[in-house]
Amino acid sequence: MTLFAGLMSGTSLDGVDGVLADFDPESLRPRHVLAHAYAALPEALATELLALNQSGPDELHRGALAGNALAAVYAEVLAKLLDGSGRRAAEVAAVGAHGQTVRHRPQAFGGPGYTIQLLSGAALAEASGLSVVCDFRSADVAAGGQGAPLVPAFHAACFAAAVPSAVLNVGGIANLSLLPALLPSEDSPVRGFDTGPGNVLMDLWMRRAAGQPYDAGGRLAAGGRVLPALLQALQAEPYFALPPPKSTGRDLFHAAWLDARLQAAGAAAARVEDVMATLAELTATSVADALHQQLPQARRLRVCGGGAFNDHLMARWRALLPGVDVATTAADGVPPDQVEALAFAWLAACRLAGRSASLPAVTGARAPRVLGAVYAAPGD
């Protein structure tokens, strides 16, 4: 068996998902998942990581400490994976660890810009006894790319079908992978991009207005009505009209962005459930519009990430995408809360094999790059 682990903590800042999986050593396709584990982010760490998305005092010091603290949570998840699978650290080739994005400014400032995912890879290697592959985005950014999304190549390996298909990952930000029928060609390459907000604005509103981390099952949104003036104000964001390649994050879609549009639409005092319904509709329509525009022949949509558990969103995509088979990735054998962590295990496998895992058609980089920095296991 060729074992790799993958760890993902996303824009939603709720916790860390991890998988341990067996990969075919030649094709690097995952054969099966041996274990899945999760750990919630401590509230103080989640609060600090959110704060570090904006400029503030003593950022370098605070960022370094947050990277160490996140490594400790990652190590906790890895211990759960090893315990749950009965495997030893020595049996695992490496772990692919995403880290926590706090700034994402590619193609900016007169040069390649930068992207920052906080994580001490060295501390994680020491704590876990595993080789760690992290900092997956920087090489693509240095080559003139967006550094995101990273998962379309993995989605193509796992979810390509006999008909044109798409994979939608709905974390804090939503991203689409566009997959031509079966194998891609030069005329129809795999493509992908961030469509805009996934859960980030809904979670923000839920915490502020209802004191809950998220809208479980989309029940609050389902009980509200869409506010047309607010939806129009939200949809007027220029990002939605940009052509791919493109990527985004909390650098754009944050509390001040939402507050400005609530005020402009006269919705600052609107019912909590109506604002939530409108934010859900923004996520639903921005994804559906992007799929119509970029892959109008799509016949399948597979959804993963936290948004796959939002019944209201899933119902809206089924309504907005007639003729498209909309289901979670569980329909193809991969639970939706395991897909991203599995993708980073795959990225680690590609790094150790010296294979490029970047797609210039997705990120806009000048050429493919081998992604990730390696911190060897202690003693190696």
Protein backbone atom coordinates (compact mmCIF):
# COMPACT_ATOMS: atom_id res chain seq x y z
CA MET A 1 0.00 0.00 0.00
CA THR A 2 1.10 3.55 -0.73
CA LEU A 3 -0.39 5.71 2.00
CA PHE A 4 -0.78 9.47 2.04
CA ALA A 5 -2.70 11.68 4.44
CA GLY A 6 -4.40 14.95 3.60
CA LEU A 7 -5.51 17.80 5.83
CA MET A 8 -7.75 20.76 5.00
CA SER A 9 -8.93 23.73 7.03
CA GLY A 10 -10.97 26.03 4.86
CA THR A 11 -12.34 29.54 4.68
CA SER A 12 -15.25 28.65 6.96
CA LEU A 13 -12.83 28.36 9.92
CA ASP A 14 -14.86 25.62 11.58
CA GLY A 15 -12.31 22.85 11.81
CA VAL A 16 -9.85 20.48 10.16
CA ASP A 17 -10.80 17.47 8.03
CA GLY A 18 -8.28 14.72 7.47
CA VAL A 19 -8.11 11.49 5.50
CA LEU A 20 -5.67 8.64 5.22
CA ALA A 21 -5.84 6.96 1.84
CA ASP A 22 -4.15 4.31 -0.26
CA PHE A 23 -2.95 5.54 -3.67
CA ASP A 24 -1.97 3.58 -6.74
CA PRO A 25 1.80 4.13 -6.99
CA GLU A 26 1.74 4.43 -10.80
CA SER A 27 -1.39 6.44 -11.60
CA LEU A 28 -1.54 8.15 -8.17
CA ARG A 29 -5.31 7.68 -8.19
CA PRO A 30 -6.76 7.07 -4.73
CA ARG A 31 -7.84 3.46 -4.29
CA HIS A 32 -9.70 3.76 -1.00
CA VAL A 33 -9.88 5.86 2.16
CA LEU A 34 -8.70 4.04 5.27
CA ALA A 35 -9.77 6.66 7.80
CA HIS A 36 -11.43 10.05 8.10
CA ALA A 37 -11.09 12.34 11.12
CA TYR A 38 -12.12 15.83 12.14
CA ALA A 39 -11.16 18.31 14.86
CA ALA A 40 -12.87 21.61 15.56
CA LEU A 41 -10.68 24.69 15.65
CA PRO A 42 -10.42 26.11 19.17
CA GLU A 43 -12.54 29.25 19.32
CA ALA A 44 -9.59 31.49 20.22
CA LEU A 45 -7.57 30.18 17.26
CA ALA A 46 -10.46 30.58 14.83
CA THR A 47 -10.98 34.14 16.05
CA GLU A 48 -7.29 34.94 15.62
CA LEU A 49 -7.12 33.42 12.14
CA LEU A 50 -10.14 35.46 11.12
CA ALA A 51 -8.55 38.62 12.53
CA LEU A 52 -5.34 37.94 10.62
CA ASN A 53 -7.27 38.25 7.36
CA GLN A 54 -7.06 42.00 7.95
CA SER A 55 -4.11 44.25 8.77
CA GLY A 56 -3.49 44.64 12.48
CA PRO A 57 -0.80 45.12 15.12
CA ASP A 58 2.12 42.69 15.49
CA GLU A 59 0.95 40.56 12.57
CA LEU A 60 4.20 38.69 12.00
CA HIS A 61 4.41 37.54 15.62
CA ARG A 62 0.73 36.66 15.82
CA GLY A 63 0.84 34.87 12.47
CA ALA A 64 3.79 32.73 13.53
CA LEU A 65 2.06 31.71 16.75
CA ALA A 66 -1.17 30.95 14.88
CA GLY A 67 0.79 28.76 12.44
CA ASN A 68 2.22 26.80 15.38
CA ALA A 69 -1.22 26.47 16.99
CA LEU A 70 -2.75 25.25 13.73
CA ALA A 71 0.05 22.67 13.39
CA ALA A 72 -0.97 21.31 16.80
CA VAL A 73 -4.59 20.84 15.64
CA TYR A 74 -3.38 19.22 12.44
CA ALA A 75 -1.21 16.85 14.47
CA GLU A 76 -4.27 15.94 16.56
CA VAL A 77 -6.17 14.97 13.41
CA LEU A 78 -3.23 12.91 12.14
CA ALA A 79 -3.10 11.03 15.45
CA LYS A 80 -6.81 10.24 15.07
CA LEU A 81 -6.23 8.98 11.53
CA LEU A 82 -3.42 6.66 12.61
CA ASP A 83 -5.40 5.39 15.59
CA GLY A 84 -8.52 4.87 13.50
CA SER A 85 -6.70 2.96 10.78
CA GLY A 86 -4.29 1.00 12.96
CA ARG A 87 -1.36 2.33 10.94
CA ARG A 88 2.00 3.65 12.11
CA ALA A 89 3.51 6.97 11.07
CA ALA A 90 6.36 5.10 9.38
CA GLU A 91 3.86 3.56 6.95
CA VAL A 92 2.67 6.95 5.64
CA ALA A 93 4.70 8.43 2.80
CA ALA A 94 3.69 12.02 3.58
CA VAL A 95 0.85 14.30 4.58
CA GLY A 96 -0.41 17.09 2.36
CA ALA A 97 -1.44 20.00 4.58
CA HIS A 98 -3.13 23.06 3.16
CA GLY A 99 -2.74 25.52 6.05
CA GLN A 100 -5.06 28.47 6.63
CA THR A 101 -5.32 31.15 3.97
CA VAL A 102 -5.19 34.61 5.53
CA ARG A 103 -4.19 36.66 2.47
CA HIS A 104 -4.64 35.89 -1.21
CA ARG A 105 -3.40 38.61 -3.55
CA PRO A 106 -2.07 36.96 -6.73
CA GLN A 107 -1.15 38.96 -9.82
CA ALA A 108 -1.01 42.15 -7.76
CA PHE A 109 1.33 44.99 -6.78
CA GLY A 110 3.07 45.14 -10.13
CA GLY A 111 4.29 41.54 -9.98
CA PRO A 112 3.14 38.02 -9.18
CA GLY A 113 1.60 39.11 -5.90
CA TYR A 114 1.44 36.57 -3.11
CA THR A 115 -0.68 34.09 -1.19
CA ILE A 116 -0.25 33.20 2.49
CA GLN A 117 -1.39 29.96 4.12
CA LEU A 118 -0.43 29.96 7.78
CA LEU A 119 1.05 26.68 9.02
CA SER A 120 4.36 25.65 10.52
CA GLY A 121 5.23 22.67 8.37
CA ALA A 122 8.34 22.01 10.44
CA ALA A 123 6.34 21.96 13.68
CA LEU A 124 3.80 19.58 12.13
CA ALA A 125 6.56 17.23 10.96
CA GLU A 126 8.07 17.19 14.46
CA ALA A 127 4.72 16.65 16.19
CA SER A 128 3.45 13.95 13.84
CA GLY A 129 6.62 12.12 12.83
CA LEU A 130 5.52 12.43 9.19
CA SER A 131 6.98 14.14 6.16
CA VAL A 132 4.86 17.22 5.47
CA VAL A 133 4.09 18.83 2.13
CA CYS A 134 2.58 22.32 2.40
CA ASP A 135 2.67 25.77 0.76
CA PHE A 136 1.05 24.37 -2.37
CA ARG A 137 0.04 27.66 -3.97
CA SER A 138 3.21 29.76 -4.05
CA ALA A 139 4.94 28.10 -7.01
CA ASP A 140 1.93 28.70 -9.24
CA VAL A 141 1.67 32.33 -8.09
CA ALA A 142 5.39 32.84 -8.77
CA ALA A 143 4.74 31.54 -12.31
CA GLY A 144 2.12 34.25 -12.85
CA GLY A 145 -0.90 32.19 -11.82
CA GLN A 146 -3.73 32.61 -9.36
CA GLY A 147 -2.53 29.74 -7.19
CA ALA A 148 -6.17 28.67 -7.01
CA PRO A 149 -8.20 26.64 -7.31
CA LEU A 150 -5.83 23.69 -6.89
CA VAL A 151 -8.35 20.85 -6.98
CA PRO A 152 -9.60 20.66 -10.62
CA ALA A 153 -6.85 18.22 -11.66
CA PHE A 154 -7.80 15.96 -8.76
CA HIS A 155 -11.50 16.30 -9.55
CA ALA A 156 -10.75 15.22 -13.11
CA ALA A 157 -8.91 12.15 -11.82
CA CYS A 158 -11.81 11.12 -9.59
CA PHE A 159 -15.05 12.42 -11.09
CA ALA A 160 -14.71 12.62 -14.89
CA ALA A 161 -17.64 10.94 -16.63
CA ALA A 162 -18.92 10.00 -20.06
CA VAL A 163 -20.71 13.36 -20.28
CA PRO A 164 -19.48 16.91 -19.63
CA SER A 165 -19.50 17.36 -15.87
CA ALA A 166 -18.66 19.81 -13.13
CA VAL A 167 -17.55 19.47 -9.53
CA LEU A 168 -18.54 22.21 -7.12
CA ASN A 169 -16.70 22.61 -3.85
CA VAL A 170 -18.64 24.81 -1.44
CA GLY A 171 -16.51 25.90 1.48
CA GLY A 172 -16.30 29.52 2.55
CA ILE A 173 -15.64 30.26 -1.12
CA ALA A 174 -17.22 28.20 -3.91
CA ASN A 175 -15.15 26.86 -6.77
CA LEU A 176 -16.11 24.98 -9.91
CA SER A 177 -14.11 22.39 -11.79
CA LEU A 178 -15.26 21.96 -15.39
CA LEU A 179 -14.60 18.48 -16.77
CA PRO A 180 -14.99 17.52 -20.43
CA ALA A 181 -16.42 14.11 -21.21
CA LEU A 182 -14.07 11.36 -20.07
CA LEU A 183 -10.49 12.35 -20.85
CA PRO A 184 -9.52 15.99 -21.43
CA SER A 185 -7.81 17.03 -24.64
CA GLU A 186 -5.98 20.11 -25.80
CA ASP A 187 -9.24 21.32 -27.36
CA SER A 188 -11.25 20.80 -24.17
CA PRO A 189 -8.97 21.03 -21.15
CA VAL A 190 -10.01 20.77 -17.53
CA ARG A 191 -10.86 24.25 -16.27
CA GLY A 192 -11.82 25.72 -12.93
CA PHE A 193 -12.23 28.93 -10.97
CA ASP A 194 -13.74 30.47 -7.85
CA THR A 195 -17.32 31.51 -8.50
CA GLY A 196 -17.54 33.73 -5.40
CA PRO A 197 -19.00 33.27 -1.92
CA GLY A 198 -19.92 29.79 -0.83
CA ASN A 199 -20.73 29.76 2.88
CA VAL A 200 -18.61 32.72 3.97
CA LEU A 201 -21.32 35.40 3.95
CA MET A 202 -24.05 33.07 5.19
CA ASP A 203 -21.87 31.94 8.10
CA LEU A 204 -20.97 35.53 8.90
CA TRP A 205 -24.65 36.52 8.98
CA MET A 206 -25.61 33.45 11.01
CA ARG A 207 -23.01 34.20 13.69
CA ARG A 208 -23.99 37.85 13.85
CA ALA A 209 -27.77 37.58 13.72
CA ALA A 210 -28.50 34.17 15.24
CA GLY A 211 -25.46 33.35 17.37
CA GLN A 212 -24.87 30.09 15.49
CA PRO A 213 -21.85 29.05 13.41
CA TYR A 214 -23.87 28.14 10.31
CA ASP A 215 -27.37 27.62 8.95
CA ALA A 216 -27.80 23.88 9.54
CA GLY A 217 -29.41 22.29 6.49
CA GLY A 218 -30.24 25.75 5.15
CA ARG A 219 -33.38 25.80 7.30
CA LEU A 220 -33.22 29.52 8.13
CA ALA A 221 -32.73 30.44 4.47
CA ALA A 222 -35.56 28.15 3.42
CA GLY A 223 -37.92 30.00 5.79
CA GLY A 224 -37.12 33.44 4.38
CA ARG A 225 -37.84 35.28 1.17
CA VAL A 226 -35.30 36.72 -1.23
CA LEU A 227 -34.98 40.53 -1.08
CA PRO A 228 -34.68 41.65 -4.73
CA ALA A 229 -32.95 44.98 -4.00
CA LEU A 230 -30.37 43.33 -1.78
CA LEU A 231 -29.74 40.51 -4.24
CA GLN A 232 -29.21 43.05 -7.01
CA ALA A 233 -26.74 44.98 -4.85
CA LEU A 234 -24.82 41.79 -4.05
CA GLN A 235 -24.76 40.61 -7.66
CA ALA A 236 -23.39 43.97 -8.83
CA GLU A 237 -19.97 43.02 -7.44
CA PRO A 238 -17.54 43.26 -10.42
CA TYR A 239 -15.85 39.98 -9.50
CA PHE A 240 -18.80 37.99 -10.82
CA ALA A 241 -18.37 39.43 -14.31
CA LEU A 242 -14.64 38.71 -14.54
CA PRO A 243 -13.68 35.91 -16.92
CA PRO A 244 -11.63 32.97 -15.62
CA PRO A 245 -8.93 32.40 -14.54
CA LYS A 246 -9.93 34.04 -11.27
CA SER A 247 -9.85 33.37 -7.57
CA THR A 248 -11.05 35.17 -4.48
CA GLY A 249 -11.42 34.94 -0.72
CA ARG A 250 -11.99 36.92 2.45
CA ASP A 251 -9.83 39.69 1.00
CA LEU A 252 -12.96 40.66 -0.94
CA PHE A 253 -15.99 38.98 0.63
CA HIS A 254 -15.95 40.12 4.26
CA ALA A 255 -18.18 41.83 6.81
CA ALA A 256 -17.58 45.37 5.56
CA TRP A 257 -18.42 44.28 1.99
CA LEU A 258 -21.74 42.84 3.17
CA ASP A 259 -22.58 45.79 5.42
CA ALA A 260 -22.09 48.27 2.57
CA ARG A 261 -24.57 46.40 0.41
CA LEU A 262 -27.10 45.93 3.20
CA GLN A 263 -27.00 49.68 3.69
CA ALA A 264 -27.21 50.47 -0.03
CA ALA A 265 -30.24 48.20 -0.43
CA GLY A 266 -32.00 49.53 2.67
CA ALA A 267 -31.88 46.04 4.16
CA ALA A 268 -29.92 46.72 7.35
CA ALA A 269 -33.06 46.16 9.44
CA ALA A 270 -34.54 43.36 7.32
CA ARG A 271 -35.69 40.09 8.85
CA VAL A 272 -32.84 37.74 9.68
CA GLU A 273 -34.29 34.91 7.60
CA ASP A 274 -34.85 37.16 4.58
CA VAL A 275 -31.22 38.30 4.54
CA MET A 276 -30.15 34.67 4.89
CA ALA A 277 -32.40 33.61 2.00
CA THR A 278 -30.87 36.35 -0.13
CA LEU A 279 -27.30 35.40 0.73
CA ALA A 280 -28.09 31.77 -0.11
CA GLU A 281 -29.57 32.90 -3.41
CA LEU A 282 -26.37 34.81 -4.19
CA THR A 283 -24.36 31.62 -3.73
CA ALA A 284 -26.87 29.55 -5.71
CA THR A 285 -27.21 31.94 -8.65
CA SER A 286 -23.51 32.83 -8.93
CA VAL A 287 -22.68 29.12 -9.28
CA ALA A 288 -25.54 28.38 -11.69
CA ASP A 289 -24.75 31.43 -13.84
CA ALA A 290 -21.06 30.48 -13.99
CA LEU A 291 -21.88 26.92 -15.05
CA HIS A 292 -24.31 28.13 -17.73
CA GLN A 293 -21.71 30.53 -19.10
CA GLN A 294 -18.60 28.36 -18.94
CA LEU A 295 -19.92 24.82 -19.53
CA PRO A 296 -23.48 25.09 -20.90
CA GLN A 297 -23.35 21.46 -22.08
CA ALA A 298 -22.79 20.13 -18.53
CA ARG A 299 -25.01 17.19 -17.67
CA ARG A 300 -23.73 16.37 -14.18
CA LEU A 301 -22.87 18.49 -11.14
CA ARG A 302 -21.27 16.87 -8.12
CA VAL A 303 -21.15 18.95 -4.93
CA CYS A 304 -18.70 18.61 -2.06
CA GLY A 305 -17.62 20.65 0.96
CA GLY A 306 -19.83 21.94 3.74
CA GLY A 307 -22.35 23.39 1.31
CA ALA A 308 -23.22 19.88 0.14
CA PHE A 309 -25.08 19.44 3.46
CA ASN A 310 -27.19 22.56 2.89
CA ASP A 311 -30.47 21.11 1.64
CA HIS A 312 -31.77 24.53 0.62
CA LEU A 313 -28.76 25.22 -1.62
CA MET A 314 -28.96 21.76 -3.17
CA ALA A 315 -32.64 22.32 -3.94
CA ARG A 316 -31.90 25.69 -5.52
CA TRP A 317 -29.23 24.22 -7.81
CA ARG A 318 -31.62 21.50 -8.92
CA ALA A 319 -34.18 24.19 -9.74
CA LEU A 320 -31.70 26.52 -11.46
CA LEU A 321 -30.01 23.77 -13.49
CA PRO A 322 -32.75 21.81 -15.29
CA GLY A 323 -31.35 18.90 -17.25
CA VAL A 324 -28.31 18.62 -14.98
CA ASP A 325 -27.97 15.66 -12.61
CA VAL A 326 -27.21 17.45 -9.32
CA ALA A 327 -25.98 15.31 -6.43
CA THR A 328 -23.24 15.26 -3.83
CA THR A 329 -19.99 13.43 -4.49
CA ALA A 330 -21.34 10.60 -2.32
CA ALA A 331 -23.15 9.48 -5.48
CA ASP A 332 -19.70 8.72 -6.92
CA GLY A 333 -18.43 7.03 -3.77
CA VAL A 334 -16.64 9.89 -2.00
CA PRO A 335 -18.37 11.55 0.98
CA PRO A 336 -18.52 15.32 0.41
CA ASP A 337 -16.65 16.14 3.63
CA GLN A 338 -13.65 14.04 2.54
CA VAL A 339 -13.02 15.36 -0.97
CA GLU A 340 -10.79 18.34 -0.20
CA ALA A 341 -8.62 16.51 2.32
CA LEU A 342 -8.27 13.67 -0.19
CA ALA A 343 -7.23 16.22 -2.80
CA PHE A 344 -4.36 17.42 -0.61
CA ALA A 345 -3.24 13.85 0.01
CA TRP A 346 -3.15 13.51 -3.79
CA LEU A 347 -1.20 16.74 -4.12
CA ALA A 348 1.36 15.40 -1.64
CA ALA A 349 1.64 12.20 -3.69
CA CYS A 350 2.24 14.28 -6.83
CA ARG A 351 4.93 16.33 -5.06
CA LEU A 352 6.87 13.30 -3.89
CA ALA A 353 6.60 11.78 -7.37
CA GLY A 354 7.88 15.03 -8.92
CA ARG A 355 4.73 15.41 -11.00
CA SER A 356 3.09 18.70 -11.83
CA ALA A 357 -0.35 19.11 -10.29
CA SER A 358 -1.08 22.61 -11.55
CA LEU A 359 -3.20 23.42 -14.58
CA PRO A 360 -2.33 26.66 -16.41
CA ALA A 361 -5.80 26.60 -18.01
CA VAL A 362 -7.18 26.92 -14.47
CA THR A 363 -4.78 29.31 -12.77
CA GLY A 364 -3.35 31.30 -15.66
CA ALA A 365 0.25 30.39 -14.83
CA ARG A 366 2.75 30.46 -17.68
CA ALA A 367 3.45 26.72 -17.36
CA PRO A 368 2.70 23.76 -15.09
CA ARG A 369 4.63 23.59 -11.83
CA VAL A 370 5.42 20.93 -9.23
CA LEU A 371 3.60 22.22 -6.15
CA GLY A 372 4.49 22.15 -2.48
CA ALA A 373 7.38 22.54 -0.05
CA VAL A 374 8.59 19.42 1.78
CA TYR A 375 9.54 19.14 5.47
CA ALA A 376 11.09 15.73 5.99
CA ALA A 377 9.99 13.50 8.84
CA PRO A 378 12.25 13.75 11.89
CA GLY A 379 15.30 11.55 11.42
CA ASP A 380 14.99 11.42 7.63
